[in-house]
Amino acid sequence: MKRNGNLVPLSRDHHFGLLCSWKIHQGIKKNVSYERIKDYINYYWKENLSRHFEIEDIVLPETENNMFQIQMEKEHTEIRKLINRINQSQDIKVLEAFADALRSHIRFEERNYFPHLEEVLSGEKMNDIGHQLERIRHKKDDSYHDEFWK
């Protein structure tokens, strides 16, 4: 199903989130140091993901089936906790858990939550989301200096 154009900016962010997850797994496979991967995750969190979460919390409305919002908020909370654990640990499994949680969260939004919004929201409400995204979303390039995944 083609994504409603008003949600495309969030879907583009999701593409880069999936790429982040892939980079982390590549770094782990290549035995890159924990610190290098941790530094990338902190960069990605600060420059992209934390803002993306804030934007979703602002622009995505509640619907009658709020199970989607509950799931989204639960996953945002889990990812935030993993960021904290990453910075207090040296356990590769925490890096893997973050990458997996991020990928799973993005898949949930793209496969379940966004189609739900497209189905239940009016064209006017979808346009309102698009206008809000235009005003508040500022995409930064993922131009991290240490390409440890290569």
C-alpha atoms as a PDB file:
ATOM      1  CA  MET A   1       0.000   0.000   0.000  1.00  0.00           C
ATOM      2  CA  LYS A   2       1.288   3.431  -0.910  1.00  0.00           C
ATOM      3  CA  ARG A   3       2.033   5.673   2.082  1.00  0.00           C
ATOM      4  CA  ASN A   4      -0.049   8.839   2.473  1.00  0.00           C
ATOM      5  CA  GLY A   5       2.196  11.726   1.426  1.00  0.00           C
ATOM      6  CA  ASN A   6       1.632  13.499   4.713  1.00  0.00           C
ATOM      7  CA  LEU A   7       3.385  10.662   6.578  1.00  0.00           C
ATOM      8  CA  VAL A   8       6.277  10.310   4.118  1.00  0.00           C
ATOM      9  CA  PRO A   9       8.664  12.534   6.137  1.00  0.00           C
ATOM     10  CA  LEU A  10       8.312  10.170   9.095  1.00  0.00           C
ATOM     11  CA  SER A  11       8.769   7.161   6.812  1.00  0.00           C
ATOM     12  CA  ARG A  12      11.982   8.731   5.475  1.00  0.00           C
ATOM     13  CA  ASP A  13      13.219   9.040   9.048  1.00  0.00           C
ATOM     14  CA  HIS A  14      12.327   5.383   9.498  1.00  0.00           C
ATOM     15  CA  HIS A  15      14.525   4.468   6.542  1.00  0.00           C
ATOM     16  CA  PHE A  16      17.482   6.051   8.321  1.00  0.00           C
ATOM     17  CA  GLY A  17      16.493   4.346  11.567  1.00  0.00           C
ATOM     18  CA  LEU A  18      16.588   0.964   9.831  1.00  0.00           C
ATOM     19  CA  LEU A  19      19.972   1.920   8.436  1.00  0.00           C
ATOM     20  CA  CYS A  20      21.138   2.792  11.958  1.00  0.00           C
ATOM     21  CA  SER A  21      20.051  -0.639  13.166  1.00  0.00           C
ATOM     22  CA  TRP A  22      21.874  -2.297  10.266  1.00  0.00           C
ATOM     23  CA  LYS A  23      25.060  -0.289  10.946  1.00  0.00           C
ATOM     24  CA  ILE A  24      25.056  -1.395  14.582  1.00  0.00           C
ATOM     25  CA  HIS A  25      24.690  -5.054  13.603  1.00  0.00           C
ATOM     26  CA  GLN A  26      27.451  -4.682  11.009  1.00  0.00           C
ATOM     27  CA  GLY A  27      29.743  -3.129  13.602  1.00  0.00           C
ATOM     28  CA  ILE A  28      29.058  -5.981  16.005  1.00  0.00           C
ATOM     29  CA  LYS A  29      29.763  -8.570  13.284  1.00  0.00           C
ATOM     30  CA  LYS A  30      33.078  -6.850  12.537  1.00  0.00           C
ATOM     31  CA  ASN A  31      34.034  -6.814  16.236  1.00  0.00           C
ATOM     32  CA  VAL A  32      34.139  -3.019  16.325  1.00  0.00           C
ATOM     33  CA  SER A  33      34.745  -1.706  19.830  1.00  0.00           C
ATOM     34  CA  TYR A  34      31.781  -1.075  22.095  1.00  0.00           C
ATOM     35  CA  GLU A  35      32.828   2.554  22.510  1.00  0.00           C
ATOM     36  CA  ARG A  36      32.769   3.294  18.771  1.00  0.00           C
ATOM     37  CA  ILE A  37      29.296   1.823  18.334  1.00  0.00           C
ATOM     38  CA  LYS A  38      28.076   3.509  21.528  1.00  0.00           C
ATOM     39  CA  ASP A  39      29.356   6.864  20.270  1.00  0.00           C
ATOM     40  CA  TYR A  40      27.419   6.393  17.019  1.00  0.00           C
ATOM     41  CA  ILE A  41      24.234   5.473  18.879  1.00  0.00           C
ATOM     42  CA  ASN A  42      24.555   8.565  21.062  1.00  0.00           C
ATOM     43  CA  TYR A  43      25.112  10.695  17.952  1.00  0.00           C
ATOM     44  CA  TYR A  44      22.100   9.153  16.219  1.00  0.00           C
ATOM     45  CA  TRP A  45      19.939   9.595  19.310  1.00  0.00           C
ATOM     46  CA  LYS A  46      20.908  13.245  19.742  1.00  0.00           C
ATOM     47  CA  GLU A  47      20.774  14.259  16.092  1.00  0.00           C
ATOM     48  CA  ASN A  48      17.823  12.220  14.853  1.00  0.00           C
ATOM     49  CA  LEU A  49      15.927   9.749  16.958  1.00  0.00           C
ATOM     50  CA  SER A  50      15.083  11.816  20.048  1.00  0.00           C
ATOM     51  CA  ARG A  51      13.671  14.577  17.841  1.00  0.00           C
ATOM     52  CA  HIS A  52      11.767  12.034  15.744  1.00  0.00           C
ATOM     53  CA  PHE A  53      10.104  10.665  18.890  1.00  0.00           C
ATOM     54  CA  GLU A  54       9.187  14.189  20.026  1.00  0.00           C
ATOM     55  CA  ILE A  55       7.675  14.956  16.620  1.00  0.00           C
ATOM     56  CA  GLU A  56       5.626  11.765  16.629  1.00  0.00           C
ATOM     57  CA  ASP A  57       4.338  12.605  20.097  1.00  0.00           C
ATOM     58  CA  ILE A  58       3.277  16.064  18.883  1.00  0.00           C
ATOM     59  CA  VAL A  59       1.752  15.379  15.472  1.00  0.00           C
ATOM     60  CA  LEU A  60       0.289  11.892  15.600  1.00  0.00           C
ATOM     61  CA  PRO A  61      -3.244  12.057  16.995  1.00  0.00           C
ATOM     62  CA  GLU A  62      -5.025   9.623  19.232  1.00  0.00           C
ATOM     63  CA  THR A  63      -7.676   7.503  17.581  1.00  0.00           C
ATOM     64  CA  GLU A  64     -10.515   5.452  19.001  1.00  0.00           C
ATOM     65  CA  ASN A  65      -8.204   2.432  19.097  1.00  0.00           C
ATOM     66  CA  ASN A  66      -5.556   3.792  21.429  1.00  0.00           C
ATOM     67  CA  MET A  67      -3.770   0.429  21.602  1.00  0.00           C
ATOM     68  CA  PHE A  68      -1.548   1.804  18.857  1.00  0.00           C
ATOM     69  CA  GLN A  69      -0.547   4.816  20.964  1.00  0.00           C
ATOM     70  CA  ILE A  70       0.033   2.602  23.985  1.00  0.00           C
ATOM     71  CA  GLN A  71       2.294   0.322  21.964  1.00  0.00           C
ATOM     72  CA  MET A  72       4.158   3.266  20.434  1.00  0.00           C
ATOM     73  CA  GLU A  73       4.715   4.927  23.811  1.00  0.00           C
ATOM     74  CA  LYS A  74       5.845   1.620  25.339  1.00  0.00           C
ATOM     75  CA  GLU A  75       8.400   1.133  22.578  1.00  0.00           C
ATOM     76  CA  HIS A  76       9.638   4.737  22.811  1.00  0.00           C
ATOM     77  CA  THR A  77      10.150   4.209  26.542  1.00  0.00           C
ATOM     78  CA  GLU A  78      11.982   0.926  25.956  1.00  0.00           C
ATOM     79  CA  ILE A  79      14.331   2.530  23.424  1.00  0.00           C
ATOM     80  CA  ARG A  80      15.050   5.450  25.782  1.00  0.00           C
ATOM     81  CA  LYS A  81      15.888   2.972  28.563  1.00  0.00           C
ATOM     82  CA  LEU A  82      18.207   1.090  26.218  1.00  0.00           C
ATOM     83  CA  ILE A  83      20.041   4.334  25.399  1.00  0.00           C
ATOM     84  CA  ASN A  84      20.652   4.806  29.128  1.00  0.00           C
ATOM     85  CA  ARG A  85      21.781   1.198  29.528  1.00  0.00           C
ATOM     86  CA  ILE A  86      24.164   1.553  26.583  1.00  0.00           C
ATOM     87  CA  ASN A  87      25.854   4.444  28.354  1.00  0.00           C
ATOM     88  CA  GLN A  88      26.161   2.518  31.618  1.00  0.00           C
ATOM     89  CA  SER A  89      27.325  -0.793  30.195  1.00  0.00           C
ATOM     90  CA  GLN A  90      29.899  -2.496  28.058  1.00  0.00           C
ATOM     91  CA  ASP A  91      27.611  -5.376  27.096  1.00  0.00           C
ATOM     92  CA  ILE A  92      27.319  -5.998  23.343  1.00  0.00           C
ATOM     93  CA  LYS A  93      23.912  -7.567  23.985  1.00  0.00           C
ATOM     94  CA  VAL A  94      22.580  -4.129  24.956  1.00  0.00           C
ATOM     95  CA  LEU A  95      23.734  -2.749  21.592  1.00  0.00           C
ATOM     96  CA  GLU A  96      21.983  -5.632  19.854  1.00  0.00           C
ATOM     97  CA  ALA A  97      18.850  -5.094  21.944  1.00  0.00           C
ATOM     98  CA  PHE A  98      18.780  -1.416  20.952  1.00  0.00           C
ATOM     99  CA  ALA A  99      19.237  -2.189  17.243  1.00  0.00           C
ATOM    100  CA  ASP A 100      16.535  -4.869  17.386  1.00  0.00           C
ATOM    101  CA  ALA A 101      14.116  -2.683  19.360  1.00  0.00           C
ATOM    102  CA  LEU A 102      14.598   0.194  16.926  1.00  0.00           C
ATOM    103  CA  ARG A 103      14.002  -2.046  13.910  1.00  0.00           C
ATOM    104  CA  SER A 104      10.964  -3.663  15.522  1.00  0.00           C
ATOM    105  CA  HIS A 105       9.503  -0.282  16.480  1.00  0.00           C
ATOM    106  CA  ILE A 106       9.882   1.071  12.967  1.00  0.00           C
ATOM    107  CA  ARG A 107       8.273  -2.040  11.502  1.00  0.00           C
ATOM    108  CA  PHE A 108       5.347  -1.670  13.915  1.00  0.00           C
ATOM    109  CA  GLU A 109       4.767   1.923  12.910  1.00  0.00           C
ATOM    110  CA  GLU A 110       5.119   1.283   9.172  1.00  0.00           C
ATOM    111  CA  ARG A 111       3.125  -1.961   9.047  1.00  0.00           C
ATOM    112  CA  ASN A 112       0.464  -1.303  11.696  1.00  0.00           C
ATOM    113  CA  TYR A 113       0.226   2.209  13.080  1.00  0.00           C
ATOM    114  CA  PHE A 114       0.559   4.296   9.909  1.00  0.00           C
ATOM    115  CA  PRO A 115      -1.907   2.118   7.930  1.00  0.00           C
ATOM    116  CA  HIS A 116      -4.326   2.480  10.855  1.00  0.00           C
ATOM    117  CA  LEU A 117      -3.993   6.273  10.738  1.00  0.00           C
ATOM    118  CA  GLU A 118      -4.461   6.285   6.969  1.00  0.00           C
ATOM    119  CA  GLU A 119      -7.609   4.224   7.369  1.00  0.00           C
ATOM    120  CA  VAL A 120      -9.333   6.132  10.170  1.00  0.00           C
ATOM    121  CA  LEU A 121      -8.247   9.766   9.743  1.00  0.00           C
ATOM    122  CA  SER A 122      -9.920  12.166   7.366  1.00  0.00           C
ATOM    123  CA  GLY A 123      -8.033  13.743   4.502  1.00  0.00           C
ATOM    124  CA  GLU A 124      -8.212  17.035   6.376  1.00  0.00           C
ATOM    125  CA  LYS A 125      -6.622  15.521   9.483  1.00  0.00           C
ATOM    126  CA  MET A 126      -3.895  13.862   7.391  1.00  0.00           C
ATOM    127  CA  ASN A 127      -3.192  17.221   5.724  1.00  0.00           C
ATOM    128  CA  ASP A 128      -2.986  18.815   9.171  1.00  0.00           C
ATOM    129  CA  ILE A 129      -0.342  16.243  10.143  1.00  0.00           C
ATOM    130  CA  GLY A 130       1.573  17.049   6.952  1.00  0.00           C
ATOM    131  CA  HIS A 131       1.470  20.802   7.644  1.00  0.00           C
ATOM    132  CA  GLN A 132       2.656  20.291  11.219  1.00  0.00           C
ATOM    133  CA  LEU A 133       5.533  18.132   9.985  1.00  0.00           C
ATOM    134  CA  GLU A 134       6.549  20.827   7.499  1.00  0.00           C
ATOM    135  CA  ARG A 135       6.715  23.382  10.309  1.00  0.00           C
ATOM    136  CA  ILE A 136       8.572  21.407  12.962  1.00  0.00           C
ATOM    137  CA  ARG A 137      10.610  18.697  11.252  1.00  0.00           C
ATOM    138  CA  HIS A 138      14.218  19.525  10.424  1.00  0.00           C
ATOM    139  CA  LYS A 139      15.979  16.541   8.879  1.00  0.00           C
ATOM    140  CA  LYS A 140      19.666  16.316   9.483  1.00  0.00           C
ATOM    141  CA  ASP A 141      21.888  14.159   7.345  1.00  0.00           C
ATOM    142  CA  ASP A 142      23.279  11.031   8.924  1.00  0.00           C
ATOM    143  CA  SER A 143      26.848  12.020   8.142  1.00  0.00           C
ATOM    144  CA  TYR A 144      28.601  10.386  11.058  1.00  0.00           C
ATOM    145  CA  HIS A 145      32.388  10.696  10.809  1.00  0.00           C
ATOM    146  CA  ASP A 146      33.341   7.134  11.870  1.00  0.00           C
ATOM    147  CA  GLU A 147      32.032   4.633   9.327  1.00  0.00           C
ATOM    148  CA  PHE A 148      32.741   1.615  11.535  1.00  0.00           C
ATOM    149  CA  TRP A 149      30.183  -0.525   9.688  1.00  0.00           C
ATOM    150  CA  LYS A 150      32.228  -0.651   6.464  1.00  0.00           C
END
